Structure formats: structure tokens, C-alpha cells
Amino acid sequence: MTFCFAVTITILNIMPKIKKDCLICNRISLIKKGENPYFVIELKSSYVVLGDNQFYKGYTLVLSKIHSSELHLLPKSSKQTLLKEVSVIGEAVYKTFHPKKLNYELLGNEAEHVHWHIFPRYKNDPNPTMPVWIVDKSIRNSEKSIPTKGKLKEYKKRLLLTIKNIYQNNIS
């Protein structure tokens, strides 16, 4: 009986809900209102957005629809779907932006909501063999790294087309 109660509490703690103090939940709220200019596509378990800053051209995030601080706390089926989506989005970023390498990061230290950072890495990156975080935040997030409306529109359109092609080819 106690075990069932504990499981119920765990499930209730990860159900989709908006936490007002969660950066990712706030971003998802903007997507739902049609007010997030970086939004690319909604998938079964996630939302895909381009990063606010494009110091690494094609930097993309995959945001879990379920507010959970840890991957292992997600329900098994949601977790499996989400991991497949991350893989597809990584493939799409790779095919769209043609980097040398991709870095996938699931951290949650600042925003305790499961989300992936997908960083395309290029030959001309500063410190190309080191994590992206080694580049000072003031440089990565500089005004120069914010895409123009035209660039943002172009990146979103190209990425969306690639994502749709991957899903279409996997269904056929």
C-alpha cells in the first residue's frame, strides 16, 4: 500500500504542468501563445527551438513537454519517445548545418527541466576539442550572436524542412 502511494506521488510530480519559476516552462508557455520566435516544431514529447544566440550556427534545444528535473524520473514511454526525438533533431541539425561534429548536452543545473542543448561544432570553432561552455558567456551570448529576423527565419525554415524529411523517410 505504501509503495503504491509513493509511485502515485512520483507520477504526480512529473505530470505536464507549468511551473512559474521554471525558465523552460516559461519558454513553453510562450510557444503555446505563439510568442516564441525561436520555435521550430512541436513533436510528441517535446518542443524544438533554435537557441537565442547562434554563436554556434544551428544551436538547437529540445524541450521536454513534461516538467521533470531528471531524465530517469520521466515515464518510460515518454523517455523513450523523447530520446528518439533528440536523435532525430540531432540528425536534422547535422544535415541542415553541416558541422564537423555535434555536442549533445543534458545538464539541468540552471534550469531544472529536462532539455537538451544540441551544439553544432565546426572546424573554425574556438577551442574545437573543448566543451562549448569554455567560451566565455559574454562572447557566446553577445549581440553579434543574436540572429537577425531574416537569419532566424532562414534557419528555422531549413531545419523544419529537414526534420519533416527525416520523419517522412522513417515512416515510408
Protein backbone atom coordinates (compact mmCIF):
# COMPACT_ATOMS: atom_id res chain seq x y z
CA MET A 1 0.00 0.00 0.00
CA THR A 2 2.77 2.43 0.88
CA PHE A 3 4.59 1.52 -2.34
CA CYS A 4 1.52 2.42 -4.44
CA PHE A 5 1.25 5.74 -2.63
CA ALA A 6 4.92 6.53 -3.34
CA VAL A 7 4.50 5.68 -7.02
CA THR A 8 1.42 7.90 -7.24
CA ILE A 9 3.34 10.81 -5.73
CA THR A 10 6.21 10.30 -8.20
CA ILE A 11 3.84 10.25 -11.17
CA LEU A 12 2.02 13.37 -9.98
CA ASN A 13 5.36 15.18 -9.64
CA ILE A 14 6.21 14.71 -13.33
CA MET A 15 2.86 15.31 -14.98
CA PRO A 16 2.87 18.12 -17.56
CA LYS A 17 2.37 21.38 -15.75
CA ILE A 18 3.78 24.85 -15.90
CA LYS A 19 6.00 25.93 -13.05
CA LYS A 20 6.09 29.71 -12.89
CA ASP A 21 9.69 29.76 -11.67
CA CYS A 22 10.94 27.42 -14.43
CA LEU A 23 12.70 29.04 -17.40
CA ILE A 24 11.85 26.12 -19.72
CA CYS A 25 8.18 26.06 -18.64
CA ASN A 26 8.03 29.81 -19.34
CA ARG A 27 9.53 29.26 -22.80
CA ILE A 28 6.94 26.53 -23.46
CA SER A 29 4.16 28.91 -22.37
CA LEU A 30 5.41 31.42 -24.95
CA ILE A 31 5.35 28.69 -27.61
CA LYS A 32 1.75 27.82 -26.73
CA LYS A 33 0.80 31.51 -27.03
CA GLY A 34 2.60 31.78 -30.39
CA GLU A 35 5.08 34.27 -28.90
CA ASN A 36 8.39 32.40 -29.07
CA PRO A 37 10.18 33.50 -32.28
CA TYR A 38 12.72 30.64 -31.90
CA PHE A 39 10.08 27.87 -32.00
CA VAL A 40 10.60 25.36 -34.83
CA ILE A 41 8.25 22.41 -34.31
CA GLU A 42 6.17 20.55 -31.73
CA LEU A 43 6.80 16.82 -31.51
CA LYS A 44 5.02 14.16 -29.45
CA SER A 45 7.18 14.60 -26.32
CA SER A 46 8.99 17.85 -26.94
CA TYR A 47 9.25 21.29 -28.46
CA VAL A 48 12.19 22.18 -30.69
CA VAL A 49 13.62 25.70 -30.64
CA LEU A 50 16.70 27.38 -32.00
CA GLY A 51 18.98 28.86 -29.38
CA ASP A 52 18.54 32.57 -28.68
CA ASN A 53 22.19 33.02 -29.61
CA GLN A 54 23.75 31.41 -32.63
CA PHE A 55 27.45 31.68 -31.79
CA TYR A 56 27.42 28.01 -32.84
CA LYS A 57 25.36 28.23 -36.03
CA GLY A 58 22.41 25.86 -35.76
CA TYR A 59 22.43 25.64 -31.95
CA THR A 60 19.13 23.95 -31.13
CA LEU A 61 17.30 22.90 -27.99
CA VAL A 62 14.82 20.08 -27.41
CA LEU A 63 12.48 20.90 -24.51
CA SER A 64 10.58 18.09 -22.77
CA LYS A 65 6.84 18.71 -22.53
CA ILE A 66 6.87 17.11 -19.09
CA HIS A 67 8.39 19.16 -16.29
CA SER A 68 10.91 16.84 -14.68
CA SER A 69 14.27 17.66 -13.18
CA GLU A 70 15.78 14.31 -14.16
CA LEU A 71 15.60 12.06 -17.21
CA HIS A 72 15.17 8.91 -15.12
CA LEU A 73 12.02 10.38 -13.50
CA LEU A 74 10.15 10.52 -16.81
CA PRO A 75 7.66 7.73 -17.54
CA LYS A 76 9.36 5.01 -19.59
CA SER A 77 7.34 5.56 -22.78
CA SER A 78 7.81 9.34 -22.64
CA LYS A 79 11.53 8.91 -22.02
CA GLN A 80 11.92 6.55 -25.00
CA THR A 81 9.98 8.86 -27.30
CA LEU A 82 11.94 11.87 -26.12
CA LEU A 83 15.29 10.15 -26.68
CA LYS A 84 14.26 9.20 -30.24
CA GLU A 85 13.22 12.81 -30.87
CA VAL A 86 16.57 14.11 -29.62
CA SER A 87 18.29 11.73 -32.03
CA VAL A 88 16.14 12.86 -34.97
CA ILE A 89 16.71 16.54 -34.14
CA GLY A 90 20.45 15.92 -33.89
CA GLU A 91 20.37 14.29 -37.31
CA ALA A 92 18.37 17.22 -38.69
CA VAL A 93 20.79 19.78 -37.24
CA TYR A 94 23.69 17.83 -38.74
CA LYS A 95 22.08 17.59 -42.19
CA THR A 96 20.96 21.23 -42.16
CA PHE A 97 24.08 22.99 -40.92
CA HIS A 98 26.86 20.53 -41.90
CA PRO A 99 29.07 20.77 -38.81
CA LYS A 100 32.15 18.65 -38.22
CA LYS A 101 30.64 17.27 -35.00
CA LEU A 102 27.60 17.60 -32.74
CA ASN A 103 27.67 18.02 -28.96
CA TYR A 104 24.58 16.90 -27.04
CA GLU A 105 24.18 18.22 -23.51
CA LEU A 106 21.53 17.44 -20.89
CA LEU A 107 22.52 19.37 -17.78
CA GLY A 108 19.72 20.99 -15.83
CA ASN A 109 21.96 22.81 -13.38
CA GLU A 110 20.42 26.23 -14.07
CA ALA A 111 17.03 25.18 -15.47
CA GLU A 112 15.84 22.06 -13.66
CA HIS A 113 13.66 20.86 -16.54
CA VAL A 114 14.76 18.08 -18.88
CA HIS A 115 16.06 19.71 -22.08
CA TRP A 116 18.88 19.06 -24.50
CA HIS A 117 21.32 21.51 -26.00
CA ILE A 118 22.49 20.39 -29.44
CA PHE A 119 25.59 22.29 -30.44
CA PRO A 120 26.98 22.01 -33.96
CA ARG A 121 30.77 22.19 -33.82
CA TYR A 122 32.83 23.48 -36.72
CA LYS A 123 36.50 23.30 -37.71
CA ASN A 124 36.92 27.02 -37.05
CA ASP A 125 35.38 26.95 -33.54
CA PRO A 126 37.46 28.48 -30.78
CA ASN A 127 38.72 25.51 -28.75
CA PRO A 128 37.01 22.92 -31.00
CA THR A 129 38.02 19.96 -28.82
CA MET A 130 36.69 21.51 -25.60
CA PRO A 131 33.10 21.86 -24.32
CA VAL A 132 31.20 24.88 -25.65
CA TRP A 133 30.95 26.32 -22.15
CA ILE A 134 34.69 27.10 -22.19
CA VAL A 135 33.96 30.08 -24.45
CA ASP A 136 33.07 32.98 -22.16
CA LYS A 137 29.32 33.54 -21.82
CA SER A 138 29.72 37.22 -22.75
CA ILE A 139 31.13 36.10 -26.12
CA ARG A 140 28.67 33.22 -26.75
CA ASN A 141 25.72 35.45 -25.85
CA SER A 142 26.94 38.69 -27.42
CA GLU A 143 24.72 40.89 -29.57
CA LYS A 144 26.71 39.67 -32.56
CA SER A 145 25.48 36.10 -31.88
CA ILE A 146 21.79 37.02 -31.92
CA PRO A 147 20.40 36.09 -35.34
CA THR A 148 18.67 38.74 -37.40
CA LYS A 149 14.98 38.14 -38.11
CA GLY A 150 15.95 37.09 -41.62
CA LYS A 151 18.62 34.61 -40.45
CA LEU A 152 16.30 33.21 -37.79
CA LYS A 153 13.55 32.69 -40.37
CA GLU A 154 16.02 31.02 -42.75
CA TYR A 155 17.47 28.69 -40.08
CA LYS A 156 14.01 27.70 -38.83
CA LYS A 157 12.72 27.03 -42.35
CA ARG A 158 15.73 24.89 -43.30
CA LEU A 159 15.71 22.95 -40.03
CA LEU A 160 11.96 22.34 -40.18
CA LEU A 161 12.19 21.04 -43.74
CA THR A 162 14.96 18.63 -42.75
CA ILE A 163 13.03 17.41 -39.69
CA LYS A 164 9.94 16.76 -41.81
CA ASN A 165 12.01 14.92 -44.43
CA ILE A 166 13.57 12.67 -41.79
CA TYR A 167 10.20 11.78 -40.28
CA GLN A 168 8.65 11.24 -43.72
CA ASN A 169 11.50 8.92 -44.76
CA ASN A 170 11.26 6.96 -41.50
CA ILE A 171 7.53 6.41 -41.98
CA SER A 172 7.76 5.27 -45.62
